[in-house]
């Protein structure tokens, strides 16, 4: 304790002002910066609280806070999938050449963890964010970052109803092309093994599959939803193949579940590529390690990650630049797991 009343007096902070005025700290900050988004009544209330508390805006500290940290935050939903590790490598390759460092977080498809990590990254002063939104992310996350002036690139997935720079793949076109290829090989019973999570990449794949099935005048009644893991894919094999009318071809949401299903089909003695065709998405390195090799649609995650980094660097250089989308083309990689329908062969 000190006897000096001046030293003992607490210096008011912006948070004190916000509480006194009954607004959020972000709103009080916008008043200080002269934002036109604040109503006249709110502005007057905040300014009155500043006067009552004796708050003085420290512009020197504000300039320090505004300086670049040369770090960016990257938030991914599932680092157990090797696809996302390759995606991250693409981001790092590009930002390191620009002399920036990456703060990485894995939200594990949990929107509350995602929000916490975004807050922590901002507290550490990251210059911008690259986010692959967790399933179920609300538009408020993107809208708040836009309102706060935080540069953002959405990666692979987009929160519906929001606008920001975006880097990804046209998953609807990919699934449509994959299904068309199977139909062209004579397959009439085509199954789609989808995930259980609600995000744009999931919706786009489903839309592409259904569009191609309708185009070929085929029933799309074999859509199965399950967790996208090796174990769940393997467990699905007997359920799928012991149906009264099993599929002759299976398209999978990604290579992880396709590789699990591959093992399950081998367990059953099913001849993959002969009795049933199997196709994955992403073309991960493991596709070449199984026998027969797994056919897959390449999505080039390293390049997609690089695109996301380039978009963020562009945004940091020019905050007012027009919003840009970069879509990496996908392509089919043929391997023995995919062949003509049995009756055609």
Foldseek 3Di string as FASTA:
>chain_A
DDPDPVVVDDQDDLCQLCVQLVHHSLLLVCLVVVDPVDDPVSNVSSVVSCVVRVHDDDVVVVVVLPDAPLEEEEEEADVVDVLVVLLVLLQCVQSVVVVGYYDYDHQNLDQVSVVVVVVVVVVVRHQAYEYQHRFPHAQVVQVVCVVSLHAYEHEQFDHPPDAHAYFHAQLLQVLLVVLLVQVVLVWQFEAEEAEDGHTDSRVSNVNSNVVNCVVSVHDHPRYHYYHQALQVLLVCQCVQVVDPDHGQEYEYSAVRSQNSVVVNCVVVVHDQLASHAYEGEQPDPCQVVDVQRHKYKHGSSSVRSNVRNVRSVVCSVPVPDDHYYHHDYIGIDDTSRHHHRNVVD
